Protein backbone atom coordinates (compact mmCIF):
# COMPACT_ATOMS: atom_id res chain seq x y z
CA UNK A 1 19.62 -9.20 5.77
CA UNK A 2 19.96 -7.64 2.34
CA UNK A 3 17.18 -9.86 0.98
CA UNK A 4 14.75 -8.61 3.61
CA UNK A 5 15.69 -4.97 2.91
CA UNK A 6 15.06 -5.52 -0.78
CA UNK A 7 11.78 -7.25 0.12
CA UNK A 8 10.72 -4.26 2.21
CA UNK A 9 11.48 -1.92 -0.68
CA UNK A 10 9.50 -4.15 -3.04
CA UNK A 11 6.54 -4.11 -0.66
CA UNK A 12 6.54 -0.32 -0.45
CA UNK A 13 6.98 -0.03 -4.23
CA UNK A 14 4.01 -2.33 -4.75
CA UNK A 15 1.84 -0.14 -2.50
CA UNK A 16 3.03 3.01 -4.27
CA UNK A 17 2.37 1.50 -7.70
CA UNK A 18 -1.15 0.49 -6.61
CA UNK A 19 -1.77 4.01 -5.33
CA UNK A 20 -0.61 5.53 -8.63
CA UNK A 21 -2.85 3.22 -10.68
CA UNK A 22 -5.98 3.51 -8.52
CA UNK A 23 -5.83 6.26 -5.90
CA UNK A 24 -7.35 5.38 -2.55
CA UNK A 25 -7.89 7.22 0.69
CA UNK A 26 -4.59 7.29 2.56
CA UNK A 27 -5.86 8.06 6.03
CA UNK A 28 -2.69 6.70 7.66
CA UNK A 29 0.10 6.76 5.03
CA UNK A 30 3.00 6.19 7.44
CA UNK A 31 1.37 3.16 9.02
CA UNK A 32 0.39 1.86 5.58
CA UNK A 33 3.91 2.06 4.23
CA UNK A 34 5.34 0.58 7.44
CA UNK A 35 2.88 -2.32 7.21
CA UNK A 36 3.64 -2.91 3.53
CA UNK A 37 7.37 -2.79 4.30
CA UNK A 38 6.95 -5.40 7.04
CA UNK A 39 4.80 -7.68 4.88
CA UNK A 40 7.15 -7.18 1.91
CA UNK A 41 10.18 -8.02 4.03
CA UNK A 42 8.47 -11.14 5.34
CA UNK A 43 7.18 -12.43 2.02
CA UNK A 44 9.51 -11.09 -0.69
CA UNK A 45 12.54 -11.26 1.58
CA UNK A 46 11.90 -14.91 2.41
CA UNK A 47 11.38 -15.78 -1.26
CA UNK A 48 14.58 -14.00 -2.28
CA UNK A 49 16.49 -15.61 0.58
CA UNK A 50 15.30 -19.10 -0.39
CA UNK A 51 16.01 -18.64 -4.11
CA UNK A 52 19.25 -16.65 -4.00
CA UNK A 53 20.64 -17.57 -0.60
């Protein structure tokens, strides 16, 4: 569970870092961060779980 939480944080951090580098229109910021958290948890969380778990 911890790996997926870290993955969600990494996904949101990646979106925030992209926004800082190249600002874009954030019409729906809450949905965007929720989507990036879900994708980050699925991808980064699975990778961390497979490597460290």
